[in-house]
Amino acid sequence: MNVTVLQFPGTNCEYDTKYAFEKLGCNVEIIWHKDTTLPQNTELLVIPGGFSYGDYLRSGAIARFANIMDAVQEYASKGGKVLGICNGFQILLEAGLLPGAMKRNDSLHFISKYNHLKIINNDNSFLQEFNVGDIVNIPVAHHDGNYFIDEVELKELEANNQILLKYCDKDGNEKNLNGSVSQIAGVCNKQKNVFGLMPHPERAIEKLLGGDDGVKMLQGFLK
């Protein structure tokens, strides 16, 4: 698979993401935010974590207007698969490619640790390797990960199986990590080709470094 990874000023997970997909046998190319086109052979586009443009306005709000984002919008509109991780998720929200918005954690503190997640829906390429209800342990590292969506749109997410992941404890009980509505940790669009999550699966690919539950997530795209 040919994977393209975007890079903005302040991105800090592009090389972790590149390493993770290369470990799975993919060809990976990193693209600078001032570029205006994506490689023609792109089969998966990843917007990685970090602090694009220093998050000086809202997280992802400035990156949404980068040169490359017109190409991202076009790629997604044609059914191209897009994965946004942490700041990448925030950028997709700001760009309107995913529903909802991101607020500061309700604790007002940066959260950095491994945290359990429950698989809510697996009828998509991202989580097709899992069963609904499976529990994974994936690192989180964010200050603005409090996912918000109003009640009407929340019901739409539920009806369309767009909720991907929820924060939970090791036994699968839903857990308030950052204040997110309904403990949501990740969602997709209605067409199920654009995916976003706050946790970092690219940081969970080797047991030596704490766990490899992220491997199965990323492998879903290779089917």
C-alpha atoms as a PDB file:
ATOM      1  CA  MET A   1       0.000   0.000   0.000  1.00  0.00           C
ATOM      2  CA  ASN A   2       1.127   3.542  -0.780  1.00  0.00           C
ATOM      3  CA  VAL A   3       0.665   5.818   2.231  1.00  0.00           C
ATOM      4  CA  THR A   4       1.026   9.594   2.167  1.00  0.00           C
ATOM      5  CA  VAL A   5       1.670  11.440   5.444  1.00  0.00           C
ATOM      6  CA  LEU A   6       1.134  15.197   5.747  1.00  0.00           C
ATOM      7  CA  GLN A   7       3.593  17.436   7.576  1.00  0.00           C
ATOM      8  CA  PHE A   8       2.815  20.873   9.010  1.00  0.00           C
ATOM      9  CA  PRO A   9       4.977  23.235  11.074  1.00  0.00           C
ATOM     10  CA  GLY A  10       4.654  21.731  14.553  1.00  0.00           C
ATOM     11  CA  THR A  11       3.792  18.193  13.454  1.00  0.00           C
ATOM     12  CA  ASN A  12       5.717  15.776  15.669  1.00  0.00           C
ATOM     13  CA  CYS A  13       4.408  12.301  14.832  1.00  0.00           C
ATOM     14  CA  GLU A  14       5.077  12.094  11.107  1.00  0.00           C
ATOM     15  CA  TYR A  15       8.148   9.893  11.477  1.00  0.00           C
ATOM     16  CA  ASP A  16       6.463   7.634  14.052  1.00  0.00           C
ATOM     17  CA  THR A  17       3.626   7.233  11.557  1.00  0.00           C
ATOM     18  CA  LYS A  18       6.022   6.566   8.691  1.00  0.00           C
ATOM     19  CA  TYR A  19       7.864   3.954  10.754  1.00  0.00           C
ATOM     20  CA  ALA A  20       4.624   2.225  11.766  1.00  0.00           C
ATOM     21  CA  PHE A  21       3.330   1.831   8.224  1.00  0.00           C
ATOM     22  CA  GLU A  22       6.732   0.849   6.857  1.00  0.00           C
ATOM     23  CA  LYS A  23       6.858  -1.843   9.521  1.00  0.00           C
ATOM     24  CA  LEU A  24       3.637  -3.163   7.975  1.00  0.00           C
ATOM     25  CA  GLY A  25       5.266  -3.230   4.544  1.00  0.00           C
ATOM     26  CA  CYS A  26       3.831  -0.002   3.116  1.00  0.00           C
ATOM     27  CA  ASN A  27       5.546   2.571   0.937  1.00  0.00           C
ATOM     28  CA  VAL A  28       5.369   5.892   2.790  1.00  0.00           C
ATOM     29  CA  GLU A  29       5.961   9.430   1.536  1.00  0.00           C
ATOM     30  CA  ILE A  30       5.872  12.566   3.699  1.00  0.00           C
ATOM     31  CA  ILE A  31       4.325  15.640   2.023  1.00  0.00           C
ATOM     32  CA  TRP A  32       4.939  19.261   3.124  1.00  0.00           C
ATOM     33  CA  HIS A  33       1.912  21.456   3.851  1.00  0.00           C
ATOM     34  CA  LYS A  34       2.833  23.980   1.120  1.00  0.00           C
ATOM     35  CA  ASP A  35       2.474  21.353  -1.605  1.00  0.00           C
ATOM     36  CA  THR A  36      -0.727  21.606  -3.617  1.00  0.00           C
ATOM     37  CA  THR A  37      -1.093  18.029  -4.834  1.00  0.00           C
ATOM     38  CA  LEU A  38      -0.962  14.551  -3.354  1.00  0.00           C
ATOM     39  CA  PRO A  39       1.051  11.730  -4.962  1.00  0.00           C
ATOM     40  CA  GLN A  40      -1.132  10.094  -7.615  1.00  0.00           C
ATOM     41  CA  ASN A  41      -0.521   6.648  -6.169  1.00  0.00           C
ATOM     42  CA  THR A  42      -1.861   7.568  -2.705  1.00  0.00           C
ATOM     43  CA  GLU A  43      -4.018   4.772  -1.282  1.00  0.00           C
ATOM     44  CA  LEU A  44      -4.201   6.103   2.269  1.00  0.00           C
ATOM     45  CA  LEU A  45      -3.659   9.668   3.466  1.00  0.00           C
ATOM     46  CA  VAL A  46      -2.638  10.152   7.092  1.00  0.00           C
ATOM     47  CA  ILE A  47      -2.678  13.449   8.993  1.00  0.00           C
ATOM     48  CA  PRO A  48      -0.513  12.742  12.051  1.00  0.00           C
ATOM     49  CA  GLY A  49      -0.355  14.204  15.534  1.00  0.00           C
ATOM     50  CA  GLY A  50       1.503  17.205  16.869  1.00  0.00           C
ATOM     51  CA  PHE A  51       0.765  20.885  17.260  1.00  0.00           C
ATOM     52  CA  SER A  52       0.233  22.240  13.757  1.00  0.00           C
ATOM     53  CA  TYR A  53       1.132  25.934  13.672  1.00  0.00           C
ATOM     54  CA  GLY A  54       1.605  25.737  17.443  1.00  0.00           C
ATOM     55  CA  ASP A  55      -2.166  25.393  17.968  1.00  0.00           C
ATOM     56  CA  TYR A  56      -2.083  29.162  18.467  1.00  0.00           C
ATOM     57  CA  LEU A  57      -5.741  29.641  17.506  1.00  0.00           C
ATOM     58  CA  ARG A  58      -7.722  26.438  17.940  1.00  0.00           C
ATOM     59  CA  SER A  59      -6.120  23.056  17.432  1.00  0.00           C
ATOM     60  CA  GLY A  60      -6.038  22.429  13.694  1.00  0.00           C
ATOM     61  CA  ALA A  61      -7.773  25.711  12.824  1.00  0.00           C
ATOM     62  CA  ILE A  62      -4.821  27.246  10.973  1.00  0.00           C
ATOM     63  CA  ALA A  63      -3.743  23.994   9.320  1.00  0.00           C
ATOM     64  CA  ARG A  64      -7.221  23.737   7.835  1.00  0.00           C
ATOM     65  CA  PHE A  65      -6.251  26.602   5.475  1.00  0.00           C
ATOM     66  CA  ALA A  66      -2.898  25.148   4.360  1.00  0.00           C
ATOM     67  CA  ASN A  67      -2.234  24.815   0.628  1.00  0.00           C
ATOM     68  CA  ILE A  68      -2.443  21.025   0.718  1.00  0.00           C
ATOM     69  CA  MET A  69      -5.936  20.956   2.215  1.00  0.00           C
ATOM     70  CA  ASP A  70      -7.689  21.629  -1.106  1.00  0.00           C
ATOM     71  CA  ALA A  71      -6.137  18.437  -2.403  1.00  0.00           C
ATOM     72  CA  VAL A  72      -7.144  16.630   0.789  1.00  0.00           C
ATOM     73  CA  GLN A  73     -10.755  17.764   0.367  1.00  0.00           C
ATOM     74  CA  GLU A  74     -10.786  16.584  -3.247  1.00  0.00           C
ATOM     75  CA  TYR A  75      -9.166  13.247  -2.383  1.00  0.00           C
ATOM     76  CA  ALA A  76     -11.702  12.572   0.376  1.00  0.00           C
ATOM     77  CA  SER A  77     -14.651  13.631  -1.800  1.00  0.00           C
ATOM     78  CA  LYS A  78     -13.655  10.981  -4.349  1.00  0.00           C
ATOM     79  CA  GLY A  79     -13.670   8.243  -1.720  1.00  0.00           C
ATOM     80  CA  GLY A  80      -9.974   8.292  -0.813  1.00  0.00           C
ATOM     81  CA  LYS A  81      -9.206   6.916   2.639  1.00  0.00           C
ATOM     82  CA  VAL A  82      -8.065   9.506   5.179  1.00  0.00           C
ATOM     83  CA  LEU A  83      -6.889   8.883   8.753  1.00  0.00           C
ATOM     84  CA  GLY A  84      -6.430  11.743  11.221  1.00  0.00           C
ATOM     85  CA  ILE A  85      -4.611  10.996  14.466  1.00  0.00           C
ATOM     86  CA  CYS A  86      -4.804  13.426  17.416  1.00  0.00           C
ATOM     87  CA  ASN A  87      -3.974  16.828  15.854  1.00  0.00           C
ATOM     88  CA  GLY A  88      -4.859  15.232  12.526  1.00  0.00           C
ATOM     89  CA  PHE A  89      -8.317  14.463  13.922  1.00  0.00           C
ATOM     90  CA  GLN A  90      -8.614  18.087  15.025  1.00  0.00           C
ATOM     91  CA  ILE A  91      -7.658  19.273  11.524  1.00  0.00           C
ATOM     92  CA  LEU A  92     -10.302  17.042   9.936  1.00  0.00           C
ATOM     93  CA  LEU A  93     -12.920  18.489  12.286  1.00  0.00           C
ATOM     94  CA  GLU A  94     -11.890  22.056  11.474  1.00  0.00           C
ATOM     95  CA  ALA A  95     -11.966  21.235   7.757  1.00  0.00           C
ATOM     96  CA  GLY A  96     -15.504  19.885   8.008  1.00  0.00           C
ATOM     97  CA  LEU A  97     -14.453  16.426   6.851  1.00  0.00           C
ATOM     98  CA  LEU A  98     -15.701  14.954  10.125  1.00  0.00           C
ATOM     99  CA  PRO A  99     -18.630  16.065  12.312  1.00  0.00           C
ATOM    100  CA  GLY A 100     -18.204  17.681  15.719  1.00  0.00           C
ATOM    101  CA  ALA A 101     -15.614  19.919  17.355  1.00  0.00           C
ATOM    102  CA  MET A 102     -12.789  19.654  19.844  1.00  0.00           C
ATOM    103  CA  LYS A 103     -12.536  21.504  23.162  1.00  0.00           C
ATOM    104  CA  ARG A 104      -9.923  21.665  25.897  1.00  0.00           C
ATOM    105  CA  ASN A 105      -9.832  18.682  28.246  1.00  0.00           C
ATOM    106  CA  ASP A 106     -12.259  19.245  31.096  1.00  0.00           C
ATOM    107  CA  SER A 107      -9.370  18.907  33.567  1.00  0.00           C
ATOM    108  CA  LEU A 108      -7.550  21.720  31.692  1.00  0.00           C
ATOM    109  CA  HIS A 109      -4.427  19.526  31.844  1.00  0.00           C
ATOM    110  CA  PHE A 110      -2.435  17.707  29.173  1.00  0.00           C
ATOM    111  CA  ILE A 111      -3.100  13.954  29.347  1.00  0.00           C
ATOM    112  CA  SER A 112      -0.319  11.562  28.334  1.00  0.00           C
ATOM    113  CA  LYS A 113      -0.668   7.866  29.154  1.00  0.00           C
ATOM    114  CA  TYR A 114      -1.899   4.519  27.895  1.00  0.00           C
ATOM    115  CA  ASN A 115      -5.683   4.276  28.023  1.00  0.00           C
ATOM    116  CA  HIS A 116      -8.154   1.537  27.180  1.00  0.00           C
ATOM    117  CA  LEU A 117     -10.602   1.907  24.306  1.00  0.00           C
ATOM    118  CA  LYS A 118     -13.680  -0.089  23.362  1.00  0.00           C
ATOM    119  CA  ILE A 119     -14.402  -0.943  19.725  1.00  0.00           C
ATOM    120  CA  ILE A 120     -17.908   0.387  19.034  1.00  0.00           C
ATOM    121  CA  ASN A 121     -18.283  -0.267  15.301  1.00  0.00           C
ATOM    122  CA  ASN A 122     -16.199  -2.440  12.991  1.00  0.00           C
ATOM    123  CA  ASP A 123     -18.097  -2.068   9.703  1.00  0.00           C
ATOM    124  CA  ASN A 124     -15.273   0.015   8.277  1.00  0.00           C
ATOM    125  CA  SER A 125     -11.777  -0.551   6.898  1.00  0.00           C
ATOM    126  CA  PHE A 126     -10.048   0.951   9.933  1.00  0.00           C
ATOM    127  CA  LEU A 127     -11.416  -1.439  12.577  1.00  0.00           C
ATOM    128  CA  GLN A 128     -12.481  -4.422  10.479  1.00  0.00           C
ATOM    129  CA  GLU A 129      -9.879  -6.640  12.154  1.00  0.00           C
ATOM    130  CA  PHE A 130     -11.670  -6.287  15.505  1.00  0.00           C
ATOM    131  CA  ASN A 131     -14.933  -7.506  16.991  1.00  0.00           C
ATOM    132  CA  VAL A 132     -17.411  -5.036  18.443  1.00  0.00           C
ATOM    133  CA  GLY A 133     -16.726  -4.797  22.168  1.00  0.00           C
ATOM    134  CA  ASP A 134     -13.011  -5.636  21.921  1.00  0.00           C
ATOM    135  CA  ILE A 135     -10.781  -3.674  24.295  1.00  0.00           C
ATOM    136  CA  VAL A 136      -7.425  -2.211  23.225  1.00  0.00           C
ATOM    137  CA  ASN A 137      -4.807  -0.237  25.119  1.00  0.00           C
ATOM    138  CA  ILE A 138      -3.513   2.748  23.132  1.00  0.00           C
ATOM    139  CA  PRO A 139      -1.496   5.844  24.207  1.00  0.00           C
ATOM    140  CA  VAL A 140      -3.187   9.230  24.391  1.00  0.00           C
ATOM    141  CA  ALA A 141      -1.342  12.574  24.427  1.00  0.00           C
ATOM    142  CA  HIS A 142      -3.519  15.651  24.108  1.00  0.00           C
ATOM    143  CA  HIS A 143      -4.589  18.892  25.740  1.00  0.00           C
ATOM    144  CA  ASP A 144      -7.617  19.541  23.519  1.00  0.00           C
ATOM    145  CA  GLY A 145      -9.227  16.137  23.118  1.00  0.00           C
ATOM    146  CA  ASN A 146     -12.662  16.872  24.571  1.00  0.00           C
ATOM    147  CA  TYR A 147     -14.899  15.847  21.657  1.00  0.00           C
ATOM    148  CA  PHE A 148     -18.169  17.777  21.403  1.00  0.00           C
ATOM    149  CA  ILE A 149     -21.221  17.233  19.240  1.00  0.00           C
ATOM    150  CA  ASP A 150     -24.831  18.279  19.830  1.00  0.00           C
ATOM    151  CA  GLU A 151     -27.595  15.796  20.655  1.00  0.00           C
ATOM    152  CA  VAL A 152     -29.107  15.759  17.167  1.00  0.00           C
ATOM    153  CA  GLU A 153     -25.799  15.025  15.461  1.00  0.00           C
ATOM    154  CA  LEU A 154     -24.885  12.500  18.166  1.00  0.00           C
ATOM    155  CA  LYS A 155     -28.011  10.520  17.308  1.00  0.00           C
ATOM    156  CA  GLU A 156     -26.974  10.631  13.644  1.00  0.00           C
ATOM    157  CA  LEU A 157     -23.531   9.282  14.528  1.00  0.00           C
ATOM    158  CA  GLU A 158     -25.132   6.438  16.451  1.00  0.00           C
ATOM    159  CA  ALA A 159     -27.674   5.672  13.704  1.00  0.00           C
ATOM    160  CA  ASN A 160     -24.991   5.574  10.993  1.00  0.00           C
ATOM    161  CA  ASN A 161     -22.444   3.564  13.014  1.00  0.00           C
ATOM    162  CA  GLN A 162     -20.001   6.469  12.852  1.00  0.00           C
ATOM    163  CA  ILE A 163     -18.765   6.180  16.428  1.00  0.00           C
ATOM    164  CA  LEU A 164     -15.591   4.102  16.235  1.00  0.00           C
ATOM    165  CA  LEU A 165     -14.092   4.085  19.713  1.00  0.00           C
ATOM    166  CA  LYS A 166     -14.949   5.070  23.275  1.00  0.00           C
ATOM    167  CA  TYR A 167     -12.724   5.575  26.297  1.00  0.00           C
ATOM    168  CA  CYS A 168     -13.145   2.807  28.870  1.00  0.00           C
ATOM    169  CA  ASP A 169     -11.427   0.930  31.687  1.00  0.00           C
ATOM    170  CA  LYS A 170      -9.729  -2.439  31.300  1.00  0.00           C
ATOM    171  CA  ASP A 171     -13.075  -4.205  31.751  1.00  0.00           C
ATOM    172  CA  GLY A 172     -14.822  -2.189  29.049  1.00  0.00           C
ATOM    173  CA  ASN A 173     -16.793   0.136  31.292  1.00  0.00           C
ATOM    174  CA  GLU A 174     -17.072   3.593  29.743  1.00  0.00           C
ATOM    175  CA  LYS A 175     -14.730   6.079  31.376  1.00  0.00           C
ATOM    176  CA  ASN A 176     -14.544   9.866  31.416  1.00  0.00           C
ATOM    177  CA  LEU A 177     -11.014  10.672  30.287  1.00  0.00           C
ATOM    178  CA  ASN A 178     -11.292  14.242  29.015  1.00  0.00           C
ATOM    179  CA  GLY A 179     -14.972  15.222  29.027  1.00  0.00           C
ATOM    180  CA  SER A 180     -15.801  13.958  25.536  1.00  0.00           C
ATOM    181  CA  VAL A 181     -19.502  13.607  24.751  1.00  0.00           C
ATOM    182  CA  SER A 182     -20.517   9.980  25.282  1.00  0.00           C
ATOM    183  CA  GLN A 183     -16.802   9.200  25.964  1.00  0.00           C
ATOM    184  CA  ILE A 184     -16.116   9.276  22.207  1.00  0.00           C
ATOM    185  CA  ALA A 185     -12.475   8.740  21.215  1.00  0.00           C
ATOM    186  CA  GLY A 186     -12.897   8.374  17.443  1.00  0.00           C
ATOM    187  CA  VAL A 187     -15.437   8.793  14.642  1.00  0.00           C
ATOM    188  CA  CYS A 188     -15.758   8.441  10.875  1.00  0.00           C
ATOM    189  CA  ASN A 189     -17.813  10.172   8.191  1.00  0.00           C
ATOM    190  CA  LYS A 190     -21.048   8.727   6.780  1.00  0.00           C
ATOM    191  CA  GLN A 191     -19.231   7.327   3.749  1.00  0.00           C
ATOM    192  CA  LYS A 192     -16.745   5.580   6.061  1.00  0.00           C
ATOM    193  CA  ASN A 193     -13.651   6.694   4.210  1.00  0.00           C
ATOM    194  CA  VAL A 194     -12.529   9.480   6.587  1.00  0.00           C
ATOM    195  CA  PHE A 195     -11.486   8.447  10.099  1.00  0.00           C
ATOM    196  CA  GLY A 196     -10.336  10.410  13.125  1.00  0.00           C
ATOM    197  CA  LEU A 197      -9.239   9.440  16.631  1.00  0.00           C
ATOM    198  CA  MET A 198      -7.413  11.132  19.493  1.00  0.00           C
ATOM    199  CA  PRO A 199      -5.339   8.119  20.667  1.00  0.00           C
ATOM    200  CA  HIS A 200      -2.090   7.224  18.876  1.00  0.00           C
ATOM    201  CA  PRO A 201      -2.111   3.729  17.307  1.00  0.00           C
ATOM    202  CA  GLU A 202       1.246   4.466  15.650  1.00  0.00           C
ATOM    203  CA  ARG A 203       2.772   4.554  19.138  1.00  0.00           C
ATOM    204  CA  ALA A 204       1.444   1.088  19.983  1.00  0.00           C
ATOM    205  CA  ILE A 205       3.107  -1.171  17.448  1.00  0.00           C
ATOM    206  CA  GLU A 206       5.848  -2.844  19.504  1.00  0.00           C
ATOM    207  CA  LYS A 207       5.460  -4.744  22.775  1.00  0.00           C
ATOM    208  CA  LEU A 208       8.943  -3.619  23.777  1.00  0.00           C
ATOM    209  CA  LEU A 209       7.633  -0.053  23.934  1.00  0.00           C
ATOM    210  CA  GLY A 210       4.484  -0.829  25.906  1.00  0.00           C
ATOM    211  CA  GLY A 211       2.068  -2.632  23.589  1.00  0.00           C
ATOM    212  CA  ASP A 212       1.182  -3.488  20.010  1.00  0.00           C
ATOM    213  CA  ASP A 213      -2.599  -3.098  19.873  1.00  0.00           C
ATOM    214  CA  GLY A 214      -2.120  -0.358  17.280  1.00  0.00           C
ATOM    215  CA  VAL A 215      -0.837  -2.864  14.715  1.00  0.00           C
ATOM    216  CA  LYS A 216      -4.242  -4.461  14.256  1.00  0.00           C
ATOM    217  CA  MET A 217      -5.829  -1.042  13.782  1.00  0.00           C
ATOM    218  CA  LEU A 218      -3.475   0.056  11.028  1.00  0.00           C
ATOM    219  CA  GLN A 219      -3.570  -3.369   9.366  1.00  0.00           C
ATOM    220  CA  GLY A 220      -7.262  -2.850   8.664  1.00  0.00           C
ATOM    221  CA  PHE A 221      -6.325  -0.443   5.886  1.00  0.00           C
ATOM    222  CA  LEU A 222      -4.203  -3.073   4.166  1.00  0.00           C
ATOM    223  CA  LYS A 223      -7.130  -5.421   3.412  1.00  0.00           C
END
